[in-house]
C-alpha cells in the first residue's frame, strides 16, 4: 500500500477519460490520491471540494501501463436514463505522470490487486502469481446468431487488457454432444470454463463433466463463468443481479449485460451453484 501512496504523492499528472466525465480545460494538471476505497483525481490548485473524477475500486477490472502512463479500466454503474437502461459501461482513465518513475509497473500491479482486494495475499504468498487458464465456449447460433459478435465486441478486448491474469482459449460449439465432449476432454486441463450463449450451454457442459469418474470432484475445484449470449440468459442474469441489487432494483435491466457479467469474471467474484 505504501508503494501506491508514494507513487501518487506529490506527483502531477495529465488526465484523460474515455468516455469523458470532465468538462474542464484540456491543459489542466491533476493530482491523484487513494482515499479509502477510491482513487480521487483533482485539478491542481483547485479550491473546489468537488473532485474531477472518482474511481471506485470495486469497479476496476484492469490496470495497465506504458510510456509514463497508467491506464485504469473500469466497468462502472450506469443508471437508467430516458434512452438507456441501467447496467454497466466500460470507461478507461489515463494518468500520465509528468515526472519519470521507476515504480510505474509495480504501482500499477499493486493498485490493481488493492482494488481486487488480494494485495496482502499476493505480497505474502511464497509462490509466484499464476494466470487462470480458461476455456471459453461460444455458441455461434445463440441469441439469434449474435453471441460471437457480442463476445468479440465486449468481452475479448477486456480479456486482452487482463492478459496478465487470464489465458483464454476460445472454441465454437457445434452441437450439444460437442459441448459435453468439450467438458469431458478438458475438465482437467483448465482452471475455469466460461460459456457465451444461453443457459443450455452451461447445462450441457456440466453434464459432460459429471460423466467423468471424478466428475463431482472436478466440479468442486473448477470455476464457471457465463456471458449472456442467449435469448433468456436466466442463469447469468441471476449471478449478475446478486451483485448489482444494491443500486438497481429491476433485474430485467441486467438481462444481456456483457459488462456486468465481465466485471464479475475479471474481479473473480464467485457464488455457489446448485
C-alpha atoms as a PDB file:
ATOM      1  CA  UNK A   1       0.000   0.000   0.000  1.00  0.00           C
ATOM      2  CA  UNK A   2       2.889   2.371   0.734  1.00  0.00           C
ATOM      3  CA  UNK A   3       4.086   1.864  -2.845  1.00  0.00           C
ATOM      4  CA  UNK A   4       0.770   3.121  -4.199  1.00  0.00           C
ATOM      5  CA  UNK A   5       0.700   6.169  -1.923  1.00  0.00           C
ATOM      6  CA  UNK A   6       4.315   7.022  -2.760  1.00  0.00           C
ATOM      7  CA  UNK A   7       3.639   6.796  -6.497  1.00  0.00           C
ATOM      8  CA  UNK A   8       0.831   9.359  -6.338  1.00  0.00           C
ATOM      9  CA  UNK A   9       2.232  11.540  -3.554  1.00  0.00           C
ATOM     10  CA  UNK A  10       3.387  14.982  -4.786  1.00  0.00           C
ATOM     11  CA  UNK A  11       3.160  13.771  -8.411  1.00  0.00           C
ATOM     12  CA  UNK A  12       1.459  15.748 -11.177  1.00  0.00           C
ATOM     13  CA  UNK A  13      -0.453  14.036 -13.960  1.00  0.00           C
ATOM     14  CA  UNK A  14      -2.186  14.775 -17.212  1.00  0.00           C
ATOM     15  CA  UNK A  15      -5.606  13.173 -17.163  1.00  0.00           C
ATOM     16  CA  UNK A  16      -7.966  11.801 -19.780  1.00  0.00           C
ATOM     17  CA  UNK A  17     -11.128   9.719 -19.559  1.00  0.00           C
ATOM     18  CA  UNK A  18     -12.839   7.784 -22.352  1.00  0.00           C
ATOM     19  CA  UNK A  19     -15.744   8.393 -22.337  1.00  0.00           C
ATOM     20  CA  UNK A  20     -15.186  11.809 -20.820  1.00  0.00           C
ATOM     21  CA  UNK A  21     -16.643  12.790 -17.457  1.00  0.00           C
ATOM     22  CA  UNK A  22     -14.692  16.055 -17.131  1.00  0.00           C
ATOM     23  CA  UNK A  23     -15.597  19.432 -18.634  1.00  0.00           C
ATOM     24  CA  UNK A  24     -12.575  21.456 -17.558  1.00  0.00           C
ATOM     25  CA  UNK A  25      -9.734  22.819 -19.653  1.00  0.00           C
ATOM     26  CA  UNK A  26      -7.570  20.444 -21.653  1.00  0.00           C
ATOM     27  CA  UNK A  27      -4.274  21.825 -20.304  1.00  0.00           C
ATOM     28  CA  UNK A  28      -5.030  21.392 -16.631  1.00  0.00           C
ATOM     29  CA  UNK A  29      -2.640  19.478 -14.399  1.00  0.00           C
ATOM     30  CA  UNK A  30      -4.007  16.966 -11.923  1.00  0.00           C
ATOM     31  CA  UNK A  31      -3.258  15.336  -8.602  1.00  0.00           C
ATOM     32  CA  UNK A  32      -4.348  11.840  -7.597  1.00  0.00           C
ATOM     33  CA  UNK A  33      -4.642  10.175  -4.205  1.00  0.00           C
ATOM     34  CA  UNK A  34      -6.028   6.983  -2.697  1.00  0.00           C
ATOM     35  CA  UNK A  35      -8.786   7.700  -0.208  1.00  0.00           C
ATOM     36  CA  UNK A  36     -10.341   4.650   1.425  1.00  0.00           C
ATOM     37  CA  UNK A  37     -11.938   2.619  -1.372  1.00  0.00           C
ATOM     38  CA  UNK A  38     -11.482   5.153  -4.178  1.00  0.00           C
ATOM     39  CA  UNK A  39      -8.871   6.922  -6.281  1.00  0.00           C
ATOM     40  CA  UNK A  40      -9.616  10.644  -6.221  1.00  0.00           C
ATOM     41  CA  UNK A  41      -8.438  12.901  -9.058  1.00  0.00           C
ATOM     42  CA  UNK A  42      -8.441  16.671  -8.589  1.00  0.00           C
ATOM     43  CA  UNK A  43      -7.301  19.593 -10.687  1.00  0.00           C
ATOM     44  CA  UNK A  44      -4.069  21.074  -9.307  1.00  0.00           C
ATOM     45  CA  UNK A  45      -4.678  24.311  -7.487  1.00  0.00           C
ATOM     46  CA  UNK A  46      -8.439  23.864  -7.419  1.00  0.00           C
ATOM     47  CA  UNK A  47     -10.190  25.182  -4.309  1.00  0.00           C
ATOM     48  CA  UNK A  48     -13.361  23.244  -5.071  1.00  0.00           C
ATOM     49  CA  UNK A  49     -14.353  20.398  -2.769  1.00  0.00           C
ATOM     50  CA  UNK A  50     -15.749  18.528  -5.774  1.00  0.00           C
ATOM     51  CA  UNK A  51     -13.294  16.055  -7.306  1.00  0.00           C
ATOM     52  CA  UNK A  52     -12.619  15.985 -11.037  1.00  0.00           C
ATOM     53  CA  UNK A  53     -13.099  12.217 -11.093  1.00  0.00           C
ATOM     54  CA  UNK A  54     -13.683   9.431  -8.594  1.00  0.00           C
ATOM     55  CA  UNK A  55     -12.668   5.864  -9.441  1.00  0.00           C
ATOM     56  CA  UNK A  56     -14.337   3.301  -7.191  1.00  0.00           C
ATOM     57  CA  UNK A  57     -12.048   0.339  -6.584  1.00  0.00           C
ATOM     58  CA  UNK A  58     -14.958  -2.091  -6.794  1.00  0.00           C
ATOM     59  CA  UNK A  59     -15.397  -1.101 -10.462  1.00  0.00           C
ATOM     60  CA  UNK A  60     -11.742  -1.541 -11.533  1.00  0.00           C
ATOM     61  CA  UNK A  61     -11.097  -4.638 -13.684  1.00  0.00           C
ATOM     62  CA  UNK A  62      -7.648  -3.914 -15.179  1.00  0.00           C
ATOM     63  CA  UNK A  63      -4.660  -1.607 -14.721  1.00  0.00           C
ATOM     64  CA  UNK A  64      -2.014  -1.374 -17.439  1.00  0.00           C
ATOM     65  CA  UNK A  65       0.971   0.890 -18.007  1.00  0.00           C
ATOM     66  CA  UNK A  66       3.367   2.223 -20.632  1.00  0.00           C
ATOM     67  CA  UNK A  67       5.243   5.394 -21.573  1.00  0.00           C
ATOM     68  CA  UNK A  68       4.777   7.073 -18.159  1.00  0.00           C
ATOM     69  CA  UNK A  69       1.024   6.390 -18.403  1.00  0.00           C
ATOM     70  CA  UNK A  70      -1.214   4.319 -16.171  1.00  0.00           C
ATOM     71  CA  UNK A  71      -4.396   3.047 -17.834  1.00  0.00           C
ATOM     72  CA  UNK A  72      -7.196   2.149 -15.430  1.00  0.00           C
ATOM     73  CA  UNK A  73     -10.159   0.256 -16.883  1.00  0.00           C
ATOM     74  CA  UNK A  74     -13.481   0.307 -15.070  1.00  0.00           C
ATOM     75  CA  UNK A  75     -16.854  -1.316 -15.611  1.00  0.00           C
ATOM     76  CA  UNK A  76     -18.918   1.168 -13.684  1.00  0.00           C
ATOM     77  CA  UNK A  77     -22.623   1.514 -12.907  1.00  0.00           C
ATOM     78  CA  UNK A  78     -24.841   3.304 -15.385  1.00  0.00           C
ATOM     79  CA  UNK A  79     -28.160   4.482 -14.060  1.00  0.00           C
ATOM     80  CA  UNK A  80     -31.299   4.148 -16.101  1.00  0.00           C
ATOM     81  CA  UNK A  81     -31.837   7.136 -18.375  1.00  0.00           C
ATOM     82  CA  UNK A  82     -34.523   8.349 -20.721  1.00  0.00           C
ATOM     83  CA  UNK A  83     -32.988   6.431 -23.634  1.00  0.00           C
ATOM     84  CA  UNK A  84     -30.864   3.806 -21.898  1.00  0.00           C
ATOM     85  CA  UNK A  85     -31.383   1.042 -19.378  1.00  0.00           C
ATOM     86  CA  UNK A  86     -29.357   0.527 -16.233  1.00  0.00           C
ATOM     87  CA  UNK A  87     -26.255  -1.613 -16.366  1.00  0.00           C
ATOM     88  CA  UNK A  88     -22.517  -1.134 -16.578  1.00  0.00           C
ATOM     89  CA  UNK A  89     -20.358   0.726 -19.047  1.00  0.00           C
ATOM     90  CA  UNK A  90     -16.671   0.485 -19.774  1.00  0.00           C
ATOM     91  CA  UNK A  91     -14.540   3.532 -19.058  1.00  0.00           C
ATOM     92  CA  UNK A  92     -10.780   3.957 -19.436  1.00  0.00           C
ATOM     93  CA  UNK A  93      -8.867   6.547 -17.419  1.00  0.00           C
ATOM     94  CA  UNK A  94      -5.335   7.569 -18.444  1.00  0.00           C
ATOM     95  CA  UNK A  95      -2.969   9.204 -15.965  1.00  0.00           C
ATOM     96  CA  UNK A  96       0.352  10.319 -17.451  1.00  0.00           C
ATOM     97  CA  UNK A  97       2.923  11.231 -14.837  1.00  0.00           C
ATOM     98  CA  UNK A  98       4.944  14.368 -15.561  1.00  0.00           C
ATOM     99  CA  UNK A  99       7.899  13.072 -13.558  1.00  0.00           C
ATOM    100  CA  UNK A 100       9.512   9.808 -14.623  1.00  0.00           C
ATOM    101  CA  UNK A 101       9.081   6.953 -12.173  1.00  0.00           C
ATOM    102  CA  UNK A 102      10.821   3.599 -11.986  1.00  0.00           C
ATOM    103  CA  UNK A 103       7.905   2.168  -9.992  1.00  0.00           C
ATOM    104  CA  UNK A 104       5.140   2.655 -12.581  1.00  0.00           C
ATOM    105  CA  UNK A 105       4.914  -1.063 -13.314  1.00  0.00           C
ATOM    106  CA  UNK A 106       4.912  -2.067  -9.645  1.00  0.00           C
ATOM    107  CA  UNK A 107       2.452   0.682  -8.693  1.00  0.00           C
ATOM    108  CA  UNK A 108       0.086  -0.387 -11.492  1.00  0.00           C
ATOM    109  CA  UNK A 109       0.136  -4.005 -10.329  1.00  0.00           C
ATOM    110  CA  UNK A 110      -0.273  -3.006  -6.692  1.00  0.00           C
ATOM    111  CA  UNK A 111      -3.198  -0.680  -7.470  1.00  0.00           C
ATOM    112  CA  UNK A 112      -4.999  -3.422  -9.392  1.00  0.00           C
ATOM    113  CA  UNK A 113      -4.641  -6.000  -6.652  1.00  0.00           C
ATOM    114  CA  UNK A 114      -5.511  -3.490  -3.945  1.00  0.00           C
ATOM    115  CA  UNK A 115      -8.700  -2.778  -5.895  1.00  0.00           C
ATOM    116  CA  UNK A 116      -9.348  -6.522  -6.249  1.00  0.00           C
ATOM    117  CA  UNK A 117      -8.819  -6.988  -2.530  1.00  0.00           C
ATOM    118  CA  UNK A 118      -5.991  -9.519  -2.733  1.00  0.00           C
ATOM    119  CA  UNK A 119      -2.891  -7.328  -2.441  1.00  0.00           C
ATOM    120  CA  UNK A 120      -1.888  -8.631   1.001  1.00  0.00           C
ATOM    121  CA  UNK A 121      -2.392 -12.215  -0.119  1.00  0.00           C
ATOM    122  CA  UNK A 122      -0.239 -11.664  -3.199  1.00  0.00           C
ATOM    123  CA  UNK A 123       2.541  -9.899  -1.264  1.00  0.00           C
ATOM    124  CA  UNK A 124       2.649 -12.530   1.477  1.00  0.00           C
ATOM    125  CA  UNK A 125       2.483 -15.529  -0.842  1.00  0.00           C
ATOM    126  CA  UNK A 126       5.672 -17.528  -1.325  1.00  0.00           C
ATOM    127  CA  UNK A 127       4.512 -18.571  -4.799  1.00  0.00           C
ATOM    128  CA  UNK A 128       4.621 -16.539  -7.979  1.00  0.00           C
ATOM    129  CA  UNK A 129       1.184 -15.413  -9.247  1.00  0.00           C
ATOM    130  CA  UNK A 130      -0.237 -17.697 -11.923  1.00  0.00           C
ATOM    131  CA  UNK A 131      -2.670 -16.924 -14.710  1.00  0.00           C
ATOM    132  CA  UNK A 132      -6.090 -18.574 -14.766  1.00  0.00           C
ATOM    133  CA  UNK A 133      -6.384 -20.989 -17.683  1.00  0.00           C
ATOM    134  CA  UNK A 134      -9.798 -20.538 -19.296  1.00  0.00           C
ATOM    135  CA  UNK A 135     -11.606 -22.491 -21.994  1.00  0.00           C
ATOM    136  CA  UNK A 136     -14.313 -20.224 -23.390  1.00  0.00           C
ATOM    137  CA  UNK A 137     -17.156 -21.867 -25.306  1.00  0.00           C
ATOM    138  CA  UNK A 138     -19.055 -19.736 -27.814  1.00  0.00           C
ATOM    139  CA  UNK A 139     -22.333 -20.996 -29.224  1.00  0.00           C
ATOM    140  CA  UNK A 140     -22.488 -19.100 -32.553  1.00  0.00           C
ATOM    141  CA  UNK A 141     -26.223 -19.728 -33.016  1.00  0.00           C
ATOM    142  CA  UNK A 142     -27.245 -18.419 -29.576  1.00  0.00           C
ATOM    143  CA  UNK A 143     -29.069 -15.127 -29.307  1.00  0.00           C
ATOM    144  CA  UNK A 144     -30.230 -15.277 -32.919  1.00  0.00           C
ATOM    145  CA  UNK A 145     -26.654 -15.657 -34.058  1.00  0.00           C
ATOM    146  CA  UNK A 146     -25.321 -12.644 -32.110  1.00  0.00           C
ATOM    147  CA  UNK A 147     -23.330 -14.404 -29.358  1.00  0.00           C
ATOM    148  CA  UNK A 148     -19.996 -14.465 -31.195  1.00  0.00           C
ATOM    149  CA  UNK A 149     -20.327 -10.849 -32.295  1.00  0.00           C
ATOM    150  CA  UNK A 150     -21.114  -9.753 -28.743  1.00  0.00           C
ATOM    151  CA  UNK A 151     -18.149 -11.661 -27.352  1.00  0.00           C
ATOM    152  CA  UNK A 152     -15.613 -10.031 -29.671  1.00  0.00           C
ATOM    153  CA  UNK A 153     -17.164  -6.593 -29.229  1.00  0.00           C
ATOM    154  CA  UNK A 154     -17.348  -6.504 -25.442  1.00  0.00           C
ATOM    155  CA  UNK A 155     -15.504  -9.372 -23.756  1.00  0.00           C
ATOM    156  CA  UNK A 156     -12.441 -10.088 -25.905  1.00  0.00           C
ATOM    157  CA  UNK A 157     -10.937  -6.563 -25.558  1.00  0.00           C
ATOM    158  CA  UNK A 158     -11.290  -6.781 -21.780  1.00  0.00           C
ATOM    159  CA  UNK A 159      -9.631 -10.189 -21.609  1.00  0.00           C
ATOM    160  CA  UNK A 160      -6.754  -8.716 -23.614  1.00  0.00           C
ATOM    161  CA  UNK A 161      -6.327  -5.975 -21.004  1.00  0.00           C
ATOM    162  CA  UNK A 162      -6.344  -8.642 -18.277  1.00  0.00           C
ATOM    163  CA  UNK A 163      -3.892 -10.983 -20.027  1.00  0.00           C
ATOM    164  CA  UNK A 164      -1.600 -10.832 -17.004  1.00  0.00           C
ATOM    165  CA  UNK A 165      -4.253 -12.770 -15.077  1.00  0.00           C
ATOM    166  CA  UNK A 166      -6.096 -14.835 -17.686  1.00  0.00           C
ATOM    167  CA  UNK A 167      -5.054 -17.144 -20.520  1.00  0.00           C
ATOM    168  CA  UNK A 168      -8.171 -17.566 -22.633  1.00  0.00           C
ATOM    169  CA  UNK A 169      -8.659 -20.141 -25.370  1.00  0.00           C
ATOM    170  CA  UNK A 170     -11.892 -19.907 -27.349  1.00  0.00           C
ATOM    171  CA  UNK A 171     -13.752 -22.623 -29.219  1.00  0.00           C
ATOM    172  CA  UNK A 172     -17.064 -22.649 -31.093  1.00  0.00           C
ATOM    173  CA  UNK A 173     -19.623 -25.283 -30.224  1.00  0.00           C
ATOM    174  CA  UNK A 174     -21.448 -27.216 -32.947  1.00  0.00           C
ATOM    175  CA  UNK A 175     -23.905 -29.407 -31.014  1.00  0.00           C
ATOM    176  CA  UNK A 176     -24.997 -30.427 -27.522  1.00  0.00           C
ATOM    177  CA  UNK A 177     -22.903 -33.572 -27.828  1.00  0.00           C
ATOM    178  CA  UNK A 178     -19.880 -31.486 -28.802  1.00  0.00           C
ATOM    179  CA  UNK A 179     -20.343 -29.337 -25.691  1.00  0.00           C
ATOM    180  CA  UNK A 180     -20.461 -32.424 -23.473  1.00  0.00           C
ATOM    181  CA  UNK A 181     -17.296 -33.803 -25.042  1.00  0.00           C
ATOM    182  CA  UNK A 182     -15.527 -30.466 -24.545  1.00  0.00           C
ATOM    183  CA  UNK A 183     -16.283 -30.762 -20.846  1.00  0.00           C
ATOM    184  CA  UNK A 184     -15.179 -34.385 -20.628  1.00  0.00           C
ATOM    185  CA  UNK A 185     -11.967 -33.839 -22.596  1.00  0.00           C
ATOM    186  CA  UNK A 186     -10.839 -30.618 -20.902  1.00  0.00           C
ATOM    187  CA  UNK A 187     -12.015 -30.681 -17.286  1.00  0.00           C
ATOM    188  CA  UNK A 188      -8.529 -31.486 -16.019  1.00  0.00           C
ATOM    189  CA  UNK A 189      -6.713 -29.116 -18.387  1.00  0.00           C
ATOM    190  CA  UNK A 190      -8.200 -25.750 -17.360  1.00  0.00           C
ATOM    191  CA  UNK A 191      -8.910 -23.806 -14.195  1.00  0.00           C
ATOM    192  CA  UNK A 192     -12.183 -22.362 -15.438  1.00  0.00           C
ATOM    193  CA  UNK A 193     -14.816 -22.619 -18.152  1.00  0.00           C
ATOM    194  CA  UNK A 194     -16.757 -19.648 -19.497  1.00  0.00           C
ATOM    195  CA  UNK A 195     -19.780 -20.041 -21.733  1.00  0.00           C
ATOM    196  CA  UNK A 196     -21.025 -17.432 -24.188  1.00  0.00           C
ATOM    197  CA  UNK A 197     -24.530 -18.392 -25.167  1.00  0.00           C
ATOM    198  CA  UNK A 198     -27.744 -19.396 -23.463  1.00  0.00           C
ATOM    199  CA  UNK A 199     -28.244 -21.361 -20.244  1.00  0.00           C
ATOM    200  CA  UNK A 200     -28.217 -24.621 -22.204  1.00  0.00           C
ATOM    201  CA  UNK A 201     -24.503 -24.362 -22.985  1.00  0.00           C
ATOM    202  CA  UNK A 202     -23.544 -24.438 -19.317  1.00  0.00           C
ATOM    203  CA  UNK A 203     -26.042 -27.237 -18.647  1.00  0.00           C
ATOM    204  CA  UNK A 204     -24.561 -29.492 -21.317  1.00  0.00           C
ATOM    205  CA  UNK A 205     -21.022 -28.637 -20.213  1.00  0.00           C
ATOM    206  CA  UNK A 206     -21.790 -29.676 -16.639  1.00  0.00           C
ATOM    207  CA  UNK A 207     -23.462 -32.870 -17.817  1.00  0.00           C
ATOM    208  CA  UNK A 208     -20.339 -33.797 -19.755  1.00  0.00           C
ATOM    209  CA  UNK A 209     -18.062 -33.268 -16.753  1.00  0.00           C
ATOM    210  CA  UNK A 210     -20.397 -35.254 -14.500  1.00  0.00           C
ATOM    211  CA  UNK A 211     -19.995 -38.272 -16.807  1.00  0.00           C
ATOM    212  CA  UNK A 212     -16.337 -38.499 -15.780  1.00  0.00           C
ATOM    213  CA  UNK A 213     -15.440 -40.905 -12.936  1.00  0.00           C
ATOM    214  CA  UNK A 214     -14.111 -37.972 -10.885  1.00  0.00           C
ATOM    215  CA  UNK A 215     -16.635 -35.503 -12.264  1.00  0.00           C
ATOM    216  CA  UNK A 216     -18.028 -34.369  -8.914  1.00  0.00           C
ATOM    217  CA  UNK A 217     -14.531 -33.758  -7.579  1.00  0.00           C
ATOM    218  CA  UNK A 218     -13.652 -31.702 -10.656  1.00  0.00           C
ATOM    219  CA  UNK A 219     -16.812 -29.615 -10.369  1.00  0.00           C
ATOM    220  CA  UNK A 220     -15.844 -28.642  -6.812  1.00  0.00           C
ATOM    221  CA  UNK A 221     -12.481 -27.331  -7.991  1.00  0.00           C
ATOM    222  CA  UNK A 222     -13.414 -25.716 -11.298  1.00  0.00           C
ATOM    223  CA  UNK A 223     -14.846 -22.228 -11.740  1.00  0.00           C
ATOM    224  CA  UNK A 224     -17.551 -21.376 -14.270  1.00  0.00           C
ATOM    225  CA  UNK A 225     -18.477 -18.061 -15.833  1.00  0.00           C
ATOM    226  CA  UNK A 226     -21.405 -17.101 -18.021  1.00  0.00           C
ATOM    227  CA  UNK A 227     -21.610 -14.413 -20.687  1.00  0.00           C
ATOM    228  CA  UNK A 228     -25.205 -13.614 -21.688  1.00  0.00           C
ATOM    229  CA  UNK A 229     -25.217 -14.503 -25.382  1.00  0.00           C
ATOM    230  CA  UNK A 230     -28.554 -16.314 -25.446  1.00  0.00           C
ATOM    231  CA  UNK A 231     -32.174 -15.241 -25.618  1.00  0.00           C
ATOM    232  CA  UNK A 232     -33.199 -15.701 -21.979  1.00  0.00           C
ATOM    233  CA  UNK A 233     -29.917 -15.656 -20.027  1.00  0.00           C
ATOM    234  CA  UNK A 234     -31.589 -16.604 -16.757  1.00  0.00           C
ATOM    235  CA  UNK A 235     -28.514 -18.032 -15.004  1.00  0.00           C
ATOM    236  CA  UNK A 236     -26.110 -15.261 -15.986  1.00  0.00           C
ATOM    237  CA  UNK A 237     -28.659 -12.601 -15.069  1.00  0.00           C
ATOM    238  CA  UNK A 238     -29.212 -14.186 -11.642  1.00  0.00           C
ATOM    239  CA  UNK A 239     -25.469 -14.187 -10.941  1.00  0.00           C
ATOM    240  CA  UNK A 240     -25.145 -10.551 -12.022  1.00  0.00           C
ATOM    241  CA  UNK A 241     -28.208  -9.388 -10.111  1.00  0.00           C
ATOM    242  CA  UNK A 242     -26.847 -10.847  -6.877  1.00  0.00           C
ATOM    243  CA  UNK A 243     -24.047  -8.268  -7.001  1.00  0.00           C
ATOM    244  CA  UNK A 244     -25.978  -5.375  -8.548  1.00  0.00           C
ATOM    245  CA  UNK A 245     -29.176  -5.272  -6.496  1.00  0.00           C
ATOM    246  CA  UNK A 246     -27.829  -2.581  -4.190  1.00  0.00           C
ATOM    247  CA  UNK A 247     -28.017   0.094  -6.863  1.00  0.00           C
ATOM    248  CA  UNK A 248     -30.770  -1.176  -9.139  1.00  0.00           C
ATOM    249  CA  UNK A 249     -33.942  -2.953  -8.071  1.00  0.00           C
ATOM    250  CA  UNK A 250     -35.067  -4.144 -11.501  1.00  0.00           C
ATOM    251  CA  UNK A 251     -33.475  -7.449 -12.524  1.00  0.00           C
ATOM    252  CA  UNK A 252     -34.691  -7.015 -16.091  1.00  0.00           C
ATOM    253  CA  UNK A 253     -32.268  -4.152 -16.555  1.00  0.00           C
ATOM    254  CA  UNK A 254     -29.340  -6.602 -16.417  1.00  0.00           C
ATOM    255  CA  UNK A 255     -30.559  -9.195 -18.901  1.00  0.00           C
ATOM    256  CA  UNK A 256     -27.874  -9.464 -21.569  1.00  0.00           C
ATOM    257  CA  UNK A 257     -25.442  -7.011 -19.917  1.00  0.00           C
ATOM    258  CA  UNK A 258     -21.999  -8.243 -21.004  1.00  0.00           C
ATOM    259  CA  UNK A 259     -20.145  -5.620 -18.983  1.00  0.00           C
ATOM    260  CA  UNK A 260     -21.896  -6.580 -15.751  1.00  0.00           C
ATOM    261  CA  UNK A 261     -21.027 -10.245 -16.337  1.00  0.00           C
ATOM    262  CA  UNK A 262     -17.421  -9.423 -17.287  1.00  0.00           C
ATOM    263  CA  UNK A 263     -16.956  -7.400 -14.103  1.00  0.00           C
ATOM    264  CA  UNK A 264     -17.788 -10.474 -12.025  1.00  0.00           C
ATOM    265  CA  UNK A 265     -15.446 -12.657 -14.067  1.00  0.00           C
ATOM    266  CA  UNK A 266     -12.486 -10.274 -14.153  1.00  0.00           C
ATOM    267  CA  UNK A 267     -12.772  -9.488 -10.450  1.00  0.00           C
ATOM    268  CA  UNK A 268     -13.045 -13.189  -9.581  1.00  0.00           C
ATOM    269  CA  UNK A 269     -16.437 -12.921  -7.915  1.00  0.00           C
ATOM    270  CA  UNK A 270     -17.882 -16.399  -7.333  1.00  0.00           C
ATOM    271  CA  UNK A 271     -21.134 -17.768  -5.918  1.00  0.00           C
ATOM    272  CA  UNK A 272     -22.156 -21.383  -5.186  1.00  0.00           C
ATOM    273  CA  UNK A 273     -24.172 -23.114  -7.903  1.00  0.00           C
ATOM    274  CA  UNK A 274     -26.598 -25.937  -7.071  1.00  0.00           C
END
